């Protein structure tokens, strides 16, 4: 399983890992001979092997350890210093990342000290069956055995491990094979107790932030909605509030250990971070946890890829995904160089990394040419509408604010509307006739979200061009959401990026029936808005009047001036609309 050295005679000699500098030849030979030993599966370590480890440790003045497989075979021999021992990289876990590694590590403690924090971190990060310390007496004998294992139960404030009572090295009272079987069965029961739909990924959501608790909780709630919208089962959430993020793996090492244990307990195969990760952080966290790791931007891109229906939408999403992938290709490695034939191509040639980068850039250029053609066709359709001088109203707002539902209710349409984030990606247009015999076109657009990825915003520029042709924007807000004001600010920032913040608009507070009455009253006092329930047509009268007046004032100023008197709209006319 582990690396072995080959002697000149062709015999396989197992390697001794760690701090072997200065070891006597005889001690080193005895360490190598440990590979020939075997413990019974019933023992954490046999009394004879524990005694030999203690003697070798006494003679070398260093900690000595062995990595044992489930069948008792010695898979690795390690030597440390007097206070610690370093475990090198181990092979990937057997049977997948939801199980223990199938290895136990037993090492000596020269001064009879208990298992320390480093030992317990090794237990968690390496997902060992157990970690054990042979406590030595002052004469170099193996006195006591201390064993720790990952704790299978979920919830509460208990640590991620459990340390068993001390047992004698000469007569250990632990049947290891039965113990490890029951431990894995307990972990499996915990995973099965969590509800999950078939063939869905399970994920732990992670946030590392300096925001206050309320803002961090709101952001995590939105990440949960995004994950569920992508078809992911959320097994657990973890928020770490710290002033400065760890540059190597963003989250603190202790919290990362908690995540590994929770992944074991919940059967998780995916970590989703609320913050954007750089390529180095993704690689480091993946190496440590052996889980798939994505960030918020990648999750949003995945949702868009699932929902894109039109050719234009698919082109835009693929462009955004490739632009996200491009800077995240692996670090250049000269070992990947390969020769490419042809004049001017002799020598080291291009590395595999450079070829992949060039291919992605070529693919992006190809997709952008296709998208440009789609934009041209869309522009022709828009110019036809503009020639007909039909006013255009575009619905904008935070994702899942009820934009598509409002379009359906206003225009008696059946556009697909769902209670999930980013249900609408492709723009949809419908005609609306006002009671005063005036017709407009209402366009539904993709929803916005906090920190919308710039690559996605750039890719969807073709779709969002519809907003530039709009005569009036309907900014729809879910007033029942406790964070509706933050959502309004996020939409305002996106409109500002698109140079649309000065476009005439009407603020619409949707889901008024779900909002507490004091909250709705305060919102209406603070903002110049119209409250509606998009599912209840009887609430749309004030909105229809406001829209009609705005359209007349903005689009038909001359007709408005020629009209002798404003015509009052009756309730019957509103209902007929």
Protein backbone atom coordinates (compact mmCIF):
# COMPACT_ATOMS: atom_id res chain seq x y z
CA UNK A 1 0.00 0.00 0.00
CA UNK A 2 2.82 2.37 0.84
CA UNK A 3 6.04 3.28 -0.91
CA UNK A 4 8.76 0.67 -0.75
CA UNK A 5 12.45 0.82 -1.68
CA UNK A 6 14.00 -1.74 -4.00
CA UNK A 7 17.41 -3.20 -3.06
CA UNK A 8 19.97 -4.17 -5.64
CA UNK A 9 19.18 -7.85 -5.03
CA UNK A 10 15.54 -7.31 -6.00
CA UNK A 11 14.19 -7.73 -2.47
CA UNK A 12 11.52 -5.32 -1.34
CA UNK A 13 12.57 -3.33 1.73
CA UNK A 14 9.91 -1.29 3.46
CA UNK A 15 10.87 2.29 4.11
CA UNK A 16 11.13 3.85 7.56
CA UNK A 17 9.49 7.29 7.45
CA UNK A 18 10.33 10.41 9.41
CA UNK A 19 13.34 11.58 11.41
CA UNK A 20 15.86 8.77 10.80
CA UNK A 21 18.98 10.96 10.74
CA UNK A 22 21.51 9.86 13.36
CA UNK A 23 19.85 6.51 14.10
CA UNK A 24 22.19 3.62 14.82
CA UNK A 25 22.34 1.01 12.10
CA UNK A 26 21.11 -1.67 14.46
CA UNK A 27 18.08 0.40 15.55
CA UNK A 28 17.24 1.20 11.95
CA UNK A 29 17.41 -2.50 11.04
CA UNK A 30 15.04 -3.40 13.88
CA UNK A 31 12.64 -0.68 12.73
CA UNK A 32 12.63 -2.13 9.20
CA UNK A 33 11.96 -5.58 10.65
CA UNK A 34 8.70 -4.31 12.15
CA UNK A 35 7.17 -4.67 8.67
CA UNK A 36 7.45 -8.43 9.11
CA UNK A 37 5.33 -8.33 12.26
CA UNK A 38 1.56 -8.68 12.46
CA UNK A 39 -0.98 -8.03 15.19
CA UNK A 40 -4.21 -9.94 15.54
CA UNK A 41 -7.31 -8.02 14.30
CA UNK A 42 -8.72 -8.23 17.83
CA UNK A 43 -5.92 -6.10 19.36
CA UNK A 44 -5.24 -2.41 18.87
CA UNK A 45 -1.61 -3.52 19.20
CA UNK A 46 -0.19 -6.77 20.53
CA UNK A 47 1.63 -6.66 23.89
CA UNK A 48 4.86 -7.85 22.22
CA UNK A 49 4.80 -5.12 19.58
CA UNK A 50 3.97 -2.44 22.17
CA UNK A 51 6.97 -3.62 24.22
CA UNK A 52 9.26 -3.52 21.15
CA UNK A 53 8.09 -0.02 20.20
CA UNK A 54 8.86 1.17 23.73
CA UNK A 55 12.37 -0.33 23.65
CA UNK A 56 13.14 1.22 20.23
CA UNK A 57 11.83 4.53 21.45
CA UNK A 58 13.96 4.35 24.61
CA UNK A 59 17.13 3.54 22.64
CA UNK A 60 16.59 6.22 19.98
CA UNK A 61 15.19 8.89 22.31
CA UNK A 62 12.40 9.52 19.80
CA UNK A 63 8.75 8.69 19.37
CA UNK A 64 8.23 5.56 17.26
CA UNK A 65 4.93 4.56 15.64
CA UNK A 66 3.32 2.00 13.35
CA UNK A 67 0.35 2.33 11.00
CA UNK A 68 -1.69 -0.89 11.17
CA UNK A 69 -4.32 -2.15 8.73
CA UNK A 70 -7.57 -3.78 9.82
CA UNK A 71 -5.99 -7.24 9.48
CA UNK A 72 -3.10 -6.26 11.77
CA UNK A 73 -0.44 -5.90 9.04
CA UNK A 74 2.16 -3.14 9.50
CA UNK A 75 1.70 -0.67 6.64
CA UNK A 76 4.06 2.10 7.77
CA UNK A 77 6.81 2.58 10.35
CA UNK A 78 7.51 6.14 11.50
CA UNK A 79 10.10 7.88 13.68
CA UNK A 80 9.63 11.36 15.16
CA UNK A 81 11.35 13.50 17.74
CA UNK A 82 11.00 13.22 21.55
CA UNK A 83 7.71 15.19 21.64
CA UNK A 84 5.96 14.56 18.33
CA UNK A 85 5.76 12.44 15.22
CA UNK A 86 4.86 13.51 11.69
CA UNK A 87 2.56 11.36 9.52
CA UNK A 88 3.18 11.80 5.78
CA UNK A 89 0.47 11.72 3.12
CA UNK A 90 -1.65 8.60 3.20
CA UNK A 91 -3.45 6.98 0.25
CA UNK A 92 -7.08 7.87 -0.45
CA UNK A 93 -9.69 6.37 1.83
CA UNK A 94 -10.93 2.88 1.13
CA UNK A 95 -14.54 2.60 0.05
CA UNK A 96 -15.08 6.32 -0.46
CA UNK A 97 -14.89 9.46 1.63
CA UNK A 98 -17.84 8.54 3.88
CA UNK A 99 -15.91 5.85 5.73
CA UNK A 100 -12.99 5.59 8.09
CA UNK A 101 -9.65 5.00 6.43
CA UNK A 102 -9.19 1.44 7.67
CA UNK A 103 -5.91 2.28 9.42
CA UNK A 104 -4.99 2.78 13.06
CA UNK A 105 -1.89 4.59 14.29
CA UNK A 106 -0.08 3.49 17.46
CA UNK A 107 2.96 5.40 18.71
CA UNK A 108 4.99 5.87 21.87
CA UNK A 109 5.00 8.72 24.40
CA UNK A 110 8.39 8.73 26.09
CA UNK A 111 7.40 10.52 29.30
CA UNK A 112 4.02 8.86 29.78
CA UNK A 113 2.13 11.98 28.65
CA UNK A 114 -1.49 11.68 27.40
CA UNK A 115 -2.67 12.10 23.80
CA UNK A 116 -2.19 15.73 22.80
CA UNK A 117 -4.01 18.07 20.44
CA UNK A 118 -1.76 17.16 17.50
CA UNK A 119 -2.58 13.49 17.97
CA UNK A 120 -6.31 14.19 18.01
CA UNK A 121 -6.05 16.43 14.94
CA UNK A 122 -4.25 13.60 13.10
CA UNK A 123 -7.12 11.30 14.09
CA UNK A 124 -9.69 13.65 12.59
CA UNK A 125 -7.88 14.94 9.51
CA UNK A 126 -6.70 11.47 8.46
CA UNK A 127 -10.02 9.80 9.45
CA UNK A 128 -8.16 6.99 11.23
CA UNK A 129 -9.94 4.07 12.85
CA UNK A 130 -8.24 5.16 16.05
CA UNK A 131 -5.07 6.72 17.37
CA UNK A 132 -3.28 5.21 20.35
CA UNK A 133 -0.37 6.19 22.58
CA UNK A 134 1.83 3.65 24.33
CA UNK A 135 2.70 5.37 27.63
CA UNK A 136 6.21 4.40 28.67
CA UNK A 137 7.53 4.06 32.20
CA UNK A 138 10.89 5.67 33.23
CA UNK A 139 12.72 2.40 32.43
CA UNK A 140 11.49 2.20 28.83
CA UNK A 141 8.74 -0.31 29.41
CA UNK A 142 5.29 -0.23 27.78
CA UNK A 143 2.96 0.64 30.66
CA UNK A 144 -0.48 1.92 29.56
CA UNK A 145 -2.35 2.22 26.27
CA UNK A 146 -4.51 5.28 25.61
CA UNK A 147 -6.95 5.05 22.66
CA UNK A 148 -9.05 7.78 20.98
CA UNK A 149 -11.58 7.44 18.16
CA UNK A 150 -13.89 9.70 16.17
CA UNK A 151 -17.19 10.19 17.99
CA UNK A 152 -20.11 8.96 15.84
CA UNK A 153 -23.03 10.80 17.48
CA UNK A 154 -24.32 14.06 15.97
CA UNK A 155 -25.34 17.36 17.49
CA UNK A 156 -24.60 18.91 20.84
CA UNK A 157 -21.37 20.51 21.99
CA UNK A 158 -19.41 17.27 22.34
CA UNK A 159 -15.90 17.16 20.82
CA UNK A 160 -15.35 15.30 17.57
CA UNK A 161 -13.53 12.46 19.34
CA UNK A 162 -13.78 10.23 22.40
CA UNK A 163 -10.83 9.10 24.54
CA UNK A 164 -11.30 5.68 26.11
CA UNK A 165 -10.18 4.88 29.69
CA UNK A 166 -6.55 3.82 30.08
CA UNK A 167 -5.86 0.12 29.63
CA UNK A 168 -2.84 -2.02 30.33
CA UNK A 169 -0.52 -2.71 27.40
CA UNK A 170 0.00 -6.25 28.74
CA UNK A 171 -3.72 -7.05 28.88
CA UNK A 172 -5.76 -4.56 26.81
CA UNK A 173 -9.51 -4.99 27.42
CA UNK A 174 -10.69 -3.84 23.99
CA UNK A 175 -11.78 -6.18 21.19
CA UNK A 176 -10.74 -3.91 18.34
CA UNK A 177 -12.42 -5.64 15.37
CA UNK A 178 -15.81 -5.68 17.15
CA UNK A 179 -15.28 -2.12 18.32
CA UNK A 180 -14.51 -0.73 14.85
CA UNK A 181 -17.44 -2.62 13.30
CA UNK A 182 -19.86 -1.12 15.82
CA UNK A 183 -18.33 2.34 15.27
CA UNK A 184 -18.89 2.19 11.52
CA UNK A 185 -22.42 0.84 12.02
CA UNK A 186 -23.17 3.79 14.30
CA UNK A 187 -21.83 6.21 11.69
CA UNK A 188 -23.98 4.53 9.02
CA UNK A 189 -27.11 4.75 11.21
CA UNK A 190 -26.47 8.45 11.70
CA UNK A 191 -26.22 8.98 7.93
CA UNK A 192 -29.40 7.02 7.24
CA UNK A 193 -31.26 9.03 9.88
CA UNK A 194 -30.79 12.18 7.78
CA UNK A 195 -33.56 12.64 5.19
CA UNK A 196 -32.22 12.79 1.66
CA UNK A 197 -33.72 12.33 -1.77
CA UNK A 198 -32.35 9.67 -4.04
CA UNK A 199 -29.35 10.57 -6.22
CA UNK A 200 -28.92 14.00 -4.63
CA UNK A 201 -25.66 15.41 -3.38
CA UNK A 202 -25.39 16.04 0.34
CA UNK A 203 -23.52 19.15 1.34
CA UNK A 204 -22.25 21.07 4.33
CA UNK A 205 -22.54 24.84 3.89
CA UNK A 206 -19.61 26.87 5.26
CA UNK A 207 -19.25 30.61 5.80
CA UNK A 208 -16.18 32.47 7.05
CA UNK A 209 -17.13 36.08 7.66
CA UNK A 210 -16.54 39.20 9.71
CA UNK A 211 -20.22 40.22 9.51
CA UNK A 212 -22.44 40.37 12.58
CA UNK A 213 -24.48 37.30 13.48
CA UNK A 214 -27.71 38.49 11.86
CA UNK A 215 -26.09 39.31 8.51
CA UNK A 216 -24.09 36.08 8.53
CA UNK A 217 -27.24 34.06 9.25
CA UNK A 218 -29.12 35.84 6.43
CA UNK A 219 -26.31 35.13 3.99
CA UNK A 220 -26.21 31.48 5.05
CA UNK A 221 -30.00 31.22 4.63
CA UNK A 222 -29.66 32.47 1.06
CA UNK A 223 -26.85 29.98 0.39
CA UNK A 224 -29.12 27.21 1.68
CA UNK A 225 -31.85 28.34 -0.76
CA UNK A 226 -29.32 28.36 -3.60
CA UNK A 227 -28.18 24.84 -2.71
CA UNK A 228 -31.74 23.53 -2.52
CA UNK A 229 -32.54 25.27 -5.80
CA UNK A 230 -29.62 23.35 -7.35
CA UNK A 231 -31.05 20.04 -6.09
CA UNK A 232 -28.64 19.61 -3.18
CA UNK A 233 -29.60 18.23 0.23
CA UNK A 234 -28.16 20.42 2.99
CA UNK A 235 -26.94 18.20 5.83
CA UNK A 236 -25.47 20.92 8.06
CA UNK A 237 -24.28 24.53 8.15
CA UNK A 238 -21.23 26.04 9.81
CA UNK A 239 -20.45 29.72 10.31
CA UNK A 240 -17.08 30.92 11.58
CA UNK A 241 -16.80 34.59 12.43
CA UNK A 242 -13.23 35.84 12.38
CA UNK A 243 -11.54 39.12 11.59
CA UNK A 244 -8.98 37.69 9.19
CA UNK A 245 -9.51 34.60 7.08
CA UNK A 246 -6.84 31.90 6.90
CA UNK A 247 -5.09 32.53 3.56
CA UNK A 248 -4.30 28.82 3.06
CA UNK A 249 -7.70 27.23 3.56
CA UNK A 250 -9.90 30.21 4.54
CA UNK A 251 -11.35 28.48 7.59
CA UNK A 252 -9.56 27.73 10.85
CA UNK A 253 -7.92 24.34 11.30
CA UNK A 254 -10.13 23.38 14.24
CA UNK A 255 -13.31 24.13 12.28
CA UNK A 256 -11.94 22.20 9.33
CA UNK A 257 -11.58 19.20 11.64
CA UNK A 258 -15.22 19.61 12.70
CA UNK A 259 -16.25 19.63 9.05
CA UNK A 260 -14.41 16.36 8.38
CA UNK A 261 -16.15 14.64 11.29
CA UNK A 262 -19.56 16.04 10.31
CA UNK A 263 -18.98 14.81 6.77
CA UNK A 264 -18.36 11.32 8.18
CA UNK A 265 -21.43 11.51 10.40
CA UNK A 266 -23.75 12.85 7.67
CA UNK A 267 -22.44 11.03 4.62
CA UNK A 268 -21.52 14.31 2.95
CA UNK A 269 -19.63 14.43 -0.34
CA UNK A 270 -19.66 18.18 -1.01
CA UNK A 271 -18.60 21.40 0.75
CA UNK A 272 -20.09 24.72 -0.39
CA UNK A 273 -18.44 27.94 0.78
CA UNK A 274 -20.38 31.19 0.90
CA UNK A 275 -17.22 33.09 0.00
CA UNK A 276 -15.29 32.92 -3.26
CA UNK A 277 -12.26 30.63 -3.02
CA UNK A 278 -9.04 31.02 -4.96
CA UNK A 279 -7.66 27.93 -6.77
CA UNK A 280 -5.04 27.28 -4.09
CA UNK A 281 -7.66 27.24 -1.32
CA UNK A 282 -9.88 24.84 -3.27
CA UNK A 283 -6.95 22.49 -3.83
CA UNK A 284 -5.83 22.62 -0.19
CA UNK A 285 -9.28 22.03 1.28
CA UNK A 286 -9.93 19.22 -1.20
CA UNK A 287 -6.63 17.52 -0.31
CA UNK A 288 -7.34 17.73 3.42
CA UNK A 289 -11.00 16.69 3.41
CA UNK A 290 -11.09 14.48 0.27
CA UNK A 291 -14.45 16.14 -0.47
CA UNK A 292 -15.56 18.09 -3.50
CA UNK A 293 -15.32 21.81 -2.80
CA UNK A 294 -17.14 24.63 -4.61
CA UNK A 295 -17.83 28.26 -3.77
CA UNK A 296 -20.91 30.45 -4.10
CA UNK A 297 -20.08 31.63 -7.61
CA UNK A 298 -19.67 28.08 -8.91
CA UNK A 299 -22.98 27.10 -7.30
CA UNK A 300 -24.80 29.96 -9.05
CA UNK A 301 -23.18 29.02 -12.36
CA UNK A 302 -24.36 25.43 -11.86
CA UNK A 303 -27.93 26.60 -11.24
CA UNK A 304 -27.85 28.71 -14.38
CA UNK A 305 -26.52 25.72 -16.35
CA UNK A 306 -29.44 23.60 -15.09
CA UNK A 307 -32.09 26.22 -15.94
CA UNK A 308 -30.89 27.52 -19.31
CA UNK A 309 -33.42 26.43 -21.95
CA UNK A 310 -32.85 28.63 -24.97
CA UNK A 311 -29.80 28.49 -27.22
CA UNK A 312 -28.92 32.00 -26.11
CA UNK A 313 -29.13 31.10 -22.43
CA UNK A 314 -26.93 28.03 -22.88
CA UNK A 315 -24.32 30.06 -24.76
CA UNK A 316 -24.25 32.70 -22.04
CA UNK A 317 -23.91 30.17 -19.23
CA UNK A 318 -21.11 28.24 -20.94
CA UNK A 319 -19.16 31.45 -21.53
CA UNK A 320 -19.49 32.37 -17.86
CA UNK A 321 -18.40 28.88 -16.75
CA UNK A 322 -15.34 28.89 -19.00
CA UNK A 323 -14.29 32.35 -17.82
CA UNK A 324 -14.63 31.13 -14.24
CA UNK A 325 -12.58 28.01 -15.03
CA UNK A 326 -9.77 29.72 -16.94
CA UNK A 327 -7.81 31.18 -13.98
CA UNK A 328 -8.44 28.02 -11.97
CA UNK A 329 -6.54 25.61 -14.17
CA UNK A 330 -3.75 23.72 -12.42
CA UNK A 331 -0.36 25.19 -11.68
CA UNK A 332 2.10 24.89 -14.56
CA UNK A 333 4.25 21.78 -14.42
CA UNK A 334 7.17 21.27 -16.80
CA UNK A 335 6.68 17.52 -16.42
CA UNK A 336 3.51 17.91 -18.47
CA UNK A 337 5.44 19.29 -21.45
CA UNK A 338 5.06 17.37 -24.66
CA UNK A 339 6.56 17.81 -28.08
CA UNK A 340 4.40 19.06 -30.91
CA UNK A 341 5.57 18.59 -34.49
CA UNK A 342 5.76 21.13 -37.27
CA UNK A 343 7.94 24.06 -38.32
CA UNK A 344 8.40 26.46 -35.45
CA UNK A 345 7.08 23.96 -32.93
CA UNK A 346 10.30 22.12 -32.12
CA UNK A 347 11.80 22.16 -28.65
CA UNK A 348 9.90 21.89 -25.39
CA UNK A 349 6.66 22.95 -27.06
CA UNK A 350 3.52 23.80 -25.14
CA UNK A 351 2.69 22.33 -21.76
CA UNK A 352 -0.60 20.55 -21.29
CA UNK A 353 -1.72 23.47 -19.14
CA UNK A 354 -1.00 26.01 -21.87
CA UNK A 355 -2.82 23.88 -24.45
CA UNK A 356 -5.88 23.66 -22.19
CA UNK A 357 -5.82 27.40 -21.64
CA UNK A 358 -5.57 28.07 -25.36
CA UNK A 359 -8.44 25.67 -26.06
CA UNK A 360 -10.64 27.35 -23.50
CA UNK A 361 -9.86 30.79 -24.93
CA UNK A 362 -10.63 29.53 -28.44
CA UNK A 363 -13.91 28.05 -27.19
CA UNK A 364 -14.86 31.33 -25.48
CA UNK A 365 -14.13 33.25 -28.69
CA UNK A 366 -16.24 30.79 -30.70
CA UNK A 367 -19.17 31.05 -28.27
CA UNK A 368 -18.97 34.83 -28.20
CA UNK A 369 -19.21 34.92 -32.02
CA UNK A 370 -22.31 32.75 -31.84
CA UNK A 371 -23.75 34.94 -29.12
CA UNK A 372 -23.05 38.03 -31.19
CA UNK A 373 -25.19 36.57 -33.98
CA UNK A 374 -27.98 35.86 -31.49
CA UNK A 375 -27.70 39.44 -30.23
CA UNK A 376 -28.02 40.68 -33.81
CA UNK A 377 -31.21 38.67 -34.31
CA UNK A 378 -32.58 39.92 -30.99
CA UNK A 379 -31.70 43.48 -31.97
CA UNK A 380 -33.71 43.10 -35.18
CA UNK A 381 -36.75 41.93 -33.22
CA UNK A 382 -36.35 44.82 -30.78
CA UNK A 383 -36.08 47.38 -33.59
CA UNK A 384 -39.33 46.03 -35.02
CA UNK A 385 -41.05 46.58 -31.69
CA UNK A 386 -39.57 50.07 -31.43
CA UNK A 387 -40.81 50.93 -34.93
CA UNK A 388 -44.30 49.96 -33.83
CA UNK A 389 -43.86 52.50 -31.01
CA UNK A 390 -45.18 50.12 -28.39
CA UNK A 391 -43.97 51.14 -24.90
CA UNK A 392 -41.84 48.52 -23.10
CA UNK A 393 -42.03 47.80 -19.37
CA UNK A 394 -39.28 45.54 -17.97
CA UNK A 395 -39.68 43.69 -14.67
CA UNK A 396 -36.52 43.58 -12.56
CA UNK A 397 -35.82 42.52 -9.01
CA UNK A 398 -34.13 40.10 -6.66
CA UNK A 399 -34.41 36.44 -7.52
CA UNK A 400 -37.61 34.74 -6.32
CA UNK A 401 -39.35 38.08 -5.67
CA UNK A 402 -42.38 37.02 -7.77
CA UNK A 403 -41.56 38.66 -11.09
CA UNK A 404 -42.83 35.85 -13.33
CA UNK A 405 -45.98 35.45 -11.25
CA UNK A 406 -46.69 39.18 -11.59
CA UNK A 407 -46.19 38.93 -15.37
CA UNK A 408 -48.66 36.02 -15.53
CA UNK A 409 -51.28 37.83 -13.49
CA UNK A 410 -50.94 41.12 -15.37
CA UNK A 411 -51.07 39.60 -18.85
CA UNK A 412 -53.13 36.40 -18.30
CA UNK A 413 -50.07 34.37 -19.32
CA UNK A 414 -48.72 31.00 -18.23
CA UNK A 415 -45.01 31.71 -18.02
CA UNK A 416 -43.24 29.14 -15.84
CA UNK A 417 -43.09 30.47 -12.28
CA UNK A 418 -41.67 28.51 -9.34
CA UNK A 419 -40.91 29.23 -5.70
CA UNK A 420 -37.15 28.81 -6.06
CA UNK A 421 -34.15 30.94 -6.93
CA UNK A 422 -33.41 31.65 -10.60
CA UNK A 423 -36.50 29.86 -11.93
CA UNK A 424 -36.40 32.30 -14.89
CA UNK A 425 -33.30 32.77 -17.04
CA UNK A 426 -34.61 33.46 -20.53
CA UNK A 427 -36.44 36.78 -21.07
CA UNK A 428 -40.15 36.55 -21.80
CA UNK A 429 -42.35 39.27 -23.31
CA UNK A 430 -46.16 39.58 -23.22
CA UNK A 431 -48.63 42.29 -24.23
CA UNK A 432 -50.70 44.18 -21.67
CA UNK A 433 -53.72 46.38 -22.50
CA UNK A 434 -54.68 49.14 -20.06
CA UNK A 435 -58.31 50.19 -19.43
CA UNK A 436 -57.74 53.38 -21.48
CA UNK A 437 -57.16 51.29 -24.61
CA UNK A 438 -53.38 51.66 -24.47
CA UNK A 439 -51.07 48.71 -25.11
CA UNK A 440 -47.60 48.01 -23.76
CA UNK A 441 -45.12 45.11 -23.82
CA UNK A 442 -44.10 43.67 -20.44
CA UNK A 443 -40.76 41.79 -20.31
CA UNK A 444 -39.66 39.43 -17.54
CA UNK A 445 -35.88 39.18 -16.96
CA UNK A 446 -33.43 37.08 -14.97
CA UNK A 447 -33.41 37.83 -11.26
CA UNK A 448 -30.49 39.49 -9.50
CA UNK A 449 -28.74 38.38 -6.34
CA UNK A 450 -26.20 39.69 -3.85
CA UNK A 451 -22.69 39.76 -5.30
CA UNK A 452 -23.83 38.49 -8.70
CA UNK A 453 -20.69 37.08 -10.39
CA UNK A 454 -19.23 39.59 -12.83
CA UNK A 455 -18.53 36.90 -15.44
CA UNK A 456 -22.20 35.95 -15.31
CA UNK A 457 -23.26 39.57 -15.58
CA UNK A 458 -20.98 40.02 -18.61
CA UNK A 459 -22.20 36.83 -20.26
CA UNK A 460 -25.85 37.82 -19.82
CA UNK A 461 -25.28 41.25 -21.29
CA UNK A 462 -27.18 40.13 -24.42
CA UNK A 463 -30.25 39.32 -22.34
CA UNK A 464 -29.92 42.40 -20.15
CA UNK A 465 -29.79 44.64 -23.21
CA UNK A 466 -33.57 44.33 -23.14
CA UNK A 467 -33.49 46.57 -20.07
CA UNK A 468 -31.80 49.41 -21.99
CA UNK A 469 -34.72 49.52 -24.44
CA UNK A 470 -37.30 49.61 -21.66
CA UNK A 471 -39.24 52.82 -21.18
CA UNK A 472 -40.08 51.94 -17.59
CA UNK A 473 -38.68 49.46 -15.03
CA UNK A 474 -40.89 47.61 -12.56
CA UNK A 475 -38.69 46.91 -9.55
CA UNK A 476 -40.43 44.01 -7.77
CA UNK A 477 -39.51 43.46 -4.10
CA UNK A 478 -40.56 40.59 -1.83
CA UNK A 479 -41.64 42.75 1.11
CA UNK A 480 -42.34 39.64 3.22
CA UNK A 481 -38.62 38.84 3.27
CA UNK A 482 -36.99 40.22 6.45
CA UNK A 483 -34.01 41.37 4.37
CA UNK A 484 -35.98 43.07 1.61
CA UNK A 485 -34.06 46.33 2.03
CA UNK A 486 -30.74 44.54 1.47
CA UNK A 487 -32.26 42.96 -1.63
CA UNK A 488 -33.33 46.38 -2.90
CA UNK A 489 -29.78 47.66 -2.43
CA UNK A 490 -28.32 44.66 -4.28
CA UNK A 491 -30.63 45.29 -7.24
CA UNK A 492 -29.75 48.97 -7.20
CA UNK A 493 -26.03 48.12 -7.38
CA UNK A 494 -26.56 45.78 -10.33
CA UNK A 495 -28.63 48.40 -12.17
CA UNK A 496 -25.87 50.88 -11.48
CA UNK A 497 -23.31 48.52 -13.03
CA UNK A 498 -25.55 48.26 -16.08
CA UNK A 499 -25.92 52.06 -16.23
CA UNK A 500 -29.68 51.72 -15.65
CA UNK A 501 -29.98 53.38 -12.25
CA UNK A 502 -31.42 56.58 -13.76
CA UNK A 503 -34.07 54.83 -15.83
CA UNK A 504 -37.68 55.70 -14.75
CA UNK A 505 -39.02 53.00 -12.45
CA UNK A 506 -41.95 51.94 -10.29
CA UNK A 507 -41.26 50.22 -6.97
CA UNK A 508 -43.62 47.28 -6.39
CA UNK A 509 -43.87 45.61 -2.98
CA UNK A 510 -45.02 42.06 -3.74
CA UNK A 511 -46.35 39.38 -1.35
CA UNK A 512 -48.15 41.98 0.74
CA UNK A 513 -50.43 39.22 2.08
CA UNK A 514 -47.43 37.45 3.63
CA UNK A 515 -45.82 40.53 5.19
CA UNK A 516 -46.70 41.52 8.78
CA UNK A 517 -49.00 44.57 8.75
CA UNK A 518 -46.59 46.84 10.73
CA UNK A 519 -43.71 45.92 8.40
CA UNK A 520 -45.78 46.68 5.30
CA UNK A 521 -47.02 49.98 6.74
CA UNK A 522 -43.50 51.08 7.64
CA UNK A 523 -42.19 50.11 4.20
CA UNK A 524 -44.92 52.10 2.43
CA UNK A 525 -44.25 55.14 4.62
CA UNK A 526 -40.53 54.97 3.90
CA UNK A 527 -40.65 54.24 0.15
CA UNK A 528 -42.79 55.50 -2.71
CA UNK A 529 -44.11 52.08 -3.66
CA UNK A 530 -47.24 50.18 -4.65
CA UNK A 531 -48.15 47.09 -2.61
CA UNK A 532 -49.61 44.06 -4.39
CA UNK A 533 -50.02 40.32 -4.13
CA UNK A 534 -49.10 38.90 -7.53
CA UNK A 535 -51.32 35.88 -6.89
CA UNK A 536 -54.39 38.04 -6.17
CA UNK A 537 -55.59 40.00 -9.19
CA UNK A 538 -57.89 42.14 -7.05
CA UNK A 539 -54.84 43.86 -5.49
CA UNK A 540 -53.45 45.07 -8.83
CA UNK A 541 -55.78 48.07 -9.35
CA UNK A 542 -53.46 50.72 -7.83
CA UNK A 543 -50.50 49.27 -9.77
CA UNK A 544 -52.41 49.38 -13.08
CA UNK A 545 -53.33 53.02 -12.47
CA UNK A 546 -49.74 53.92 -11.55
CA UNK A 547 -48.32 52.18 -14.61
CA UNK A 548 -50.82 53.79 -16.95
CA UNK A 549 -50.11 57.26 -15.60
CA UNK A 550 -46.33 56.70 -15.82
CA UNK A 551 -46.55 55.45 -19.40
CA UNK A 552 -48.70 58.39 -20.46
CA UNK A 553 -46.32 60.84 -18.82
CA UNK A 554 -43.14 59.27 -20.21
CA UNK A 555 -44.13 57.95 -23.61
CA UNK A 556 -47.11 59.97 -24.69
CA UNK A 557 -46.51 63.48 -23.40
CA UNK A 558 -48.12 65.14 -26.39
CA UNK A 559 -51.31 63.11 -26.14
CA UNK A 560 -51.42 63.80 -22.42
CA UNK A 561 -51.21 67.55 -23.09
CA UNK A 562 -53.97 67.40 -25.76
CA UNK A 563 -56.35 65.46 -23.53
CA UNK A 564 -58.97 67.90 -22.08
CA UNK A 565 -59.29 66.08 -18.77
CA UNK A 566 -57.87 63.02 -17.15
CA UNK A 567 -60.24 60.10 -17.40
CA UNK A 568 -61.04 58.43 -14.10
CA UNK A 569 -60.69 54.65 -14.11
CA UNK A 570 -63.62 52.81 -12.57
CA UNK A 571 -63.23 49.68 -10.44
CA UNK A 572 -65.09 47.74 -13.18
CA UNK A 573 -62.47 48.83 -15.74
CA UNK A 574 -59.66 47.77 -13.40
CA UNK A 575 -61.23 44.35 -12.97
CA UNK A 576 -61.67 44.09 -16.74
CA UNK A 577 -57.96 44.76 -17.22
